[in-house]
Amino acid sequence: MISVDKIDCFVPSSRPLLSIPDCRLSDVERQIGEHVASLIPDGATIHGE
């Protein structure tokens, strides 16, 4: 859920929401993800200019 005061712009659409199918990760992929996640500080965000 997201609070209404956090929304800057709302665009109505009749298209269905995108969904990403579940996938199974190998042990190696899971270990890589855990390592990369350990390098990212809590609260970090992606910011583009």
PDB file of N, CA and C in Angstrom:
ATOM      1  N   MET A   1       0.844  -1.181   0.000  1.00  0.00           N
ATOM      2  CA  MET A   1       0.000   0.000   0.000  1.00  0.00           C
ATOM      3  C   MET A   1       0.888   1.243   0.000  1.00  0.00           C
ATOM      4  N   ILE A   2       0.387   2.280  -0.618  1.00  0.00           N
ATOM      5  CA  ILE A   2       1.098   3.551  -0.652  1.00  0.00           C
ATOM      6  C   ILE A   2       0.126   4.662  -0.267  1.00  0.00           C
ATOM      7  N   SER A   3       0.594   5.583   0.516  1.00  0.00           N
ATOM      8  CA  SER A   3      -0.239   6.694   0.967  1.00  0.00           C
ATOM      9  C   SER A   3      -0.506   7.656  -0.189  1.00  0.00           C
ATOM     10  N   VAL A   4      -1.695   8.204  -0.243  1.00  0.00           N
ATOM     11  CA  VAL A   4      -2.080   9.128  -1.316  1.00  0.00           C
ATOM     12  C   VAL A   4      -1.165  10.349  -1.350  1.00  0.00           C
ATOM     13  N   ASP A   5      -0.681  10.809  -0.193  1.00  0.00           N
ATOM     14  CA  ASP A   5       0.174  11.997  -0.180  1.00  0.00           C
ATOM     15  C   ASP A   5       1.561  11.719  -0.772  1.00  0.00           C
ATOM     16  N   LYS A   6       1.876  10.466  -1.077  1.00  0.00           N
ATOM     17  CA  LYS A   6       3.145  10.106  -1.711  1.00  0.00           C
ATOM     18  C   LYS A   6       3.031  10.072  -3.232  1.00  0.00           C
ATOM     19  N   ILE A   7       1.827  10.240  -3.784  1.00  0.00           N
ATOM     20  CA  ILE A   7       1.597  10.163  -5.232  1.00  0.00           C
ATOM     21  C   ILE A   7       1.691  11.557  -5.845  1.00  0.00           C
ATOM     22  N   ASP A   8       2.589  11.714  -6.830  1.00  0.00           N
ATOM     23  CA  ASP A   8       2.736  12.987  -7.532  1.00  0.00           C
ATOM     24  C   ASP A   8       1.825  13.073  -8.753  1.00  0.00           C
ATOM     25  N   CYS A   9       1.611  11.939  -9.407  1.00  0.00           N
ATOM     26  CA  CYS A   9       0.814  11.924 -10.623  1.00  0.00           C
ATOM     27  C   CYS A   9       0.126  10.569 -10.739  1.00  0.00           C
ATOM     28  N   PHE A  10      -1.119  10.579 -11.147  1.00  0.00           N
ATOM     29  CA  PHE A  10      -1.889   9.353 -11.311  1.00  0.00           C
ATOM     30  C   PHE A  10      -2.423   9.322 -12.731  1.00  0.00           C
ATOM     31  N   VAL A  11      -2.197   8.217 -13.440  1.00  0.00           N
ATOM     32  CA  VAL A  11      -2.667   8.072 -14.813  1.00  0.00           C
ATOM     33  C   VAL A  11      -3.569   6.849 -14.885  1.00  0.00           C
ATOM     34  N   PRO A  12      -4.879   7.054 -15.073  1.00  0.00           N
ATOM     35  CA  PRO A  12      -5.771   5.894 -15.176  1.00  0.00           C
ATOM     36  C   PRO A  12      -5.471   5.079 -16.437  1.00  0.00           C
ATOM     37  N   SER A  13      -5.632   3.775 -16.325  1.00  0.00           N
ATOM     38  CA  SER A  13      -5.372   2.891 -17.459  1.00  0.00           C
ATOM     39  C   SER A  13      -6.267   1.663 -17.347  1.00  0.00           C
ATOM     40  N   SER A  14      -6.678   1.152 -18.482  1.00  0.00           N
ATOM     41  CA  SER A  14      -7.490  -0.063 -18.487  1.00  0.00           C
ATOM     42  C   SER A  14      -6.629  -1.310 -18.694  1.00  0.00           C
ATOM     43  N   ARG A  15      -5.324  -1.124 -18.872  1.00  0.00           N
ATOM     44  CA  ARG A  15      -4.425  -2.259 -19.066  1.00  0.00           C
ATOM     45  C   ARG A  15      -4.217  -2.999 -17.744  1.00  0.00           C
ATOM     46  N   PRO A  16      -4.069  -4.321 -17.801  1.00  0.00           N
ATOM     47  CA  PRO A  16      -3.817  -5.071 -16.572  1.00  0.00           C
ATOM     48  C   PRO A  16      -2.420  -4.756 -16.029  1.00  0.00           C
ATOM     49  N   LEU A  17      -2.244  -4.938 -14.717  1.00  0.00           N
ATOM     50  CA  LEU A  17      -0.945  -4.714 -14.104  1.00  0.00           C
ATOM     51  C   LEU A  17       0.059  -5.732 -14.628  1.00  0.00           C
ATOM     52  N   LEU A  18       1.312  -5.301 -14.750  1.00  0.00           N
ATOM     53  CA  LEU A  18       2.366  -6.220 -15.156  1.00  0.00           C
ATOM     54  C   LEU A  18       2.667  -7.169 -14.010  1.00  0.00           C
ATOM     55  N   SER A  19       2.987  -8.377 -14.334  1.00  0.00           N
ATOM     56  CA  SER A  19       3.388  -9.327 -13.302  1.00  0.00           C
ATOM     57  C   SER A  19       4.656 -10.028 -13.757  1.00  0.00           C
ATOM     58  N   ILE A  20       5.470 -10.362 -12.785  1.00  0.00           N
ATOM     59  CA  ILE A  20       6.716 -11.062 -13.066  1.00  0.00           C
ATOM     60  C   ILE A  20       6.551 -12.491 -12.567  1.00  0.00           C
ATOM     61  N   PRO A  21       6.715 -13.459 -13.436  1.00  0.00           N
ATOM     62  CA  PRO A  21       6.531 -14.846 -13.007  1.00  0.00           C
ATOM     63  C   PRO A  21       7.586 -15.248 -11.974  1.00  0.00           C
ATOM     64  N   ASP A  22       7.193 -16.132 -11.069  1.00  0.00           N
ATOM     65  CA  ASP A  22       8.133 -16.665 -10.096  1.00  0.00           C
ATOM     66  C   ASP A  22       9.215 -17.458 -10.812  1.00  0.00           C
ATOM     67  N   CYS A  23      10.417 -17.391 -10.291  1.00  0.00           N
ATOM     68  CA  CYS A  23      11.488 -18.197 -10.861  1.00  0.00           C
ATOM     69  C   CYS A  23      12.279 -18.832  -9.723  1.00  0.00           C
ATOM     70  N   ARG A  24      12.889 -19.931 -10.020  1.00  0.00           N
ATOM     71  CA  ARG A  24      13.719 -20.627  -9.025  1.00  0.00           C
ATOM     72  C   ARG A  24      15.175 -20.201  -9.240  1.00  0.00           C
ATOM     73  N   LEU A  25      15.806 -19.816  -8.139  1.00  0.00           N
ATOM     74  CA  LEU A  25      17.210 -19.432  -8.208  1.00  0.00           C
ATOM     75  C   LEU A  25      18.079 -20.626  -7.851  1.00  0.00           C
ATOM     76  N   SER A  26      19.207 -20.716  -8.521  1.00  0.00           N
ATOM     77  CA  SER A  26      20.177 -21.751  -8.153  1.00  0.00           C
ATOM     78  C   SER A  26      20.873 -21.305  -6.867  1.00  0.00           C
ATOM     79  N   ASP A  27      21.565 -22.217  -6.219  1.00  0.00           N
ATOM     80  CA  ASP A  27      22.303 -21.869  -5.007  1.00  0.00           C
ATOM     81  C   ASP A  27      23.337 -20.778  -5.287  1.00  0.00           C
ATOM     82  N   VAL A  28      23.991 -20.863  -6.443  1.00  0.00           N
ATOM     83  CA  VAL A  28      24.997 -19.862  -6.813  1.00  0.00           C
ATOM     84  C   VAL A  28      24.342 -18.493  -6.992  1.00  0.00           C
ATOM     85  N   GLU A  29      23.206 -18.433  -7.689  1.00  0.00           N
ATOM     86  CA  GLU A  29      22.512 -17.158  -7.886  1.00  0.00           C
ATOM     87  C   GLU A  29      22.070 -16.564  -6.554  1.00  0.00           C
ATOM     88  N   ARG A  30      21.582 -17.395  -5.656  1.00  0.00           N
ATOM     89  CA  ARG A  30      21.159 -16.923  -4.331  1.00  0.00           C
ATOM     90  C   ARG A  30      22.360 -16.379  -3.547  1.00  0.00           C
ATOM     91  N   GLN A  31      23.500 -17.074  -3.608  1.00  0.00           N
ATOM     92  CA  GLN A  31      24.702 -16.612  -2.907  1.00  0.00           C
ATOM     93  C   GLN A  31      25.189 -15.283  -3.473  1.00  0.00           C
ATOM     94  N   ILE A  32      25.151 -15.127  -4.791  1.00  0.00           N
ATOM     95  CA  ILE A  32      25.551 -13.865  -5.430  1.00  0.00           C
ATOM     96  C   ILE A  32      24.629 -12.745  -4.953  1.00  0.00           C
ATOM     97  N   GLY A  33      23.323 -12.998  -4.954  1.00  0.00           N
ATOM     98  CA  GLY A  33      22.364 -11.992  -4.507  1.00  0.00           C
ATOM     99  C   GLY A  33      22.580 -11.596  -3.065  1.00  0.00           C
ATOM    100  N   GLU A  34      22.838 -12.568  -2.198  1.00  0.00           N
ATOM    101  CA  GLU A  34      23.079 -12.272  -0.793  1.00  0.00           C
ATOM    102  C   GLU A  34      24.351 -11.442  -0.624  1.00  0.00           C
ATOM    103  N   HIS A  35      25.399 -11.778  -1.401  1.00  0.00           N
ATOM    104  CA  HIS A  35      26.642 -11.009  -1.312  1.00  0.00           C
ATOM    105  C   HIS A  35      26.427  -9.562  -1.770  1.00  0.00           C
ATOM    106  N   VAL A  36      25.779  -9.392  -2.921  1.00  0.00           N
ATOM    107  CA  VAL A  36      25.529  -8.044  -3.437  1.00  0.00           C
ATOM    108  C   VAL A  36      24.667  -7.253  -2.449  1.00  0.00           C
ATOM    109  N   ALA A  37      23.627  -7.886  -1.907  1.00  0.00           N
ATOM    110  CA  ALA A  37      22.749  -7.202  -0.956  1.00  0.00           C
ATOM    111  C   ALA A  37      23.519  -6.757   0.282  1.00  0.00           C
ATOM    112  N   SER A  38      24.534  -7.515   0.691  1.00  0.00           N
ATOM    113  CA  SER A  38      25.316  -7.133   1.873  1.00  0.00           C
ATOM    114  C   SER A  38      26.152  -5.877   1.629  1.00  0.00           C
ATOM    115  N   LEU A  39      26.375  -5.516   0.374  1.00  0.00           N
ATOM    116  CA  LEU A  39      27.161  -4.329   0.030  1.00  0.00           C
ATOM    117  C   LEU A  39      26.323  -3.062  -0.031  1.00  0.00           C
ATOM    118  N   ILE A  40      24.994  -3.196   0.019  1.00  0.00           N
ATOM    119  CA  ILE A  40      24.091  -2.054  -0.110  1.00  0.00           C
ATOM    120  C   ILE A  40      23.586  -1.669   1.274  1.00  0.00           C
ATOM    121  N   PRO A  41      23.831  -0.415   1.710  1.00  0.00           N
ATOM    122  CA  PRO A  41      23.396  -0.016   3.045  1.00  0.00           C
ATOM    123  C   PRO A  41      21.871   0.064   3.151  1.00  0.00           C
ATOM    124  N   ASP A  42      21.351  -0.196   4.362  1.00  0.00           N
ATOM    125  CA  ASP A  42      19.914  -0.062   4.605  1.00  0.00           C
ATOM    126  C   ASP A  42      19.467   1.354   4.254  1.00  0.00           C
ATOM    127  N   GLY A  43      18.330   1.467   3.588  1.00  0.00           N
ATOM    128  CA  GLY A  43      17.772   2.780   3.231  1.00  0.00           C
ATOM    129  C   GLY A  43      18.307   3.337   1.933  1.00  0.00           C
ATOM    130  N   ALA A  44      19.244   2.624   1.275  1.00  0.00           N
ATOM    131  CA  ALA A  44      19.796   3.116   0.011  1.00  0.00           C
ATOM    132  C   ALA A  44      18.722   3.129  -1.061  1.00  0.00           C
ATOM    133  N   THR A  45      18.786   4.083  -1.954  1.00  0.00           N
ATOM    134  CA  THR A  45      17.830   4.204  -3.059  1.00  0.00           C
ATOM    135  C   THR A  45      18.570   4.413  -4.369  1.00  0.00           C
ATOM    136  N   ILE A  46      17.868   4.195  -5.467  1.00  0.00           N
ATOM    137  CA  ILE A  46      18.410   4.484  -6.792  1.00  0.00           C
ATOM    138  C   ILE A  46      17.936   5.872  -7.166  1.00  0.00           C
ATOM    139  N   HIS A  47      18.868   6.718  -7.592  1.00  0.00           N
ATOM    140  CA  HIS A  47      18.507   8.091  -7.939  1.00  0.00           C
ATOM    141  C   HIS A  47      19.061   8.403  -9.326  1.00  0.00           C
ATOM    142  N   GLY A  48      18.221   8.892 -10.204  1.00  0.00           N
ATOM    143  CA  GLY A  48      18.647   9.264 -11.537  1.00  0.00           C
ATOM    144  C   GLY A  48      18.466  10.752 -11.769  1.00  0.00           C
ATOM    145  N   GLU A  49      19.264  11.296 -12.587  1.00  0.00           N
ATOM    146  CA  GLU A  49      19.170  12.725 -12.906  1.00  0.00           C
ATOM    147  C   GLU A  49      18.502  12.913 -14.235  1.00  0.00           C
TER     148      GLU A  49
END
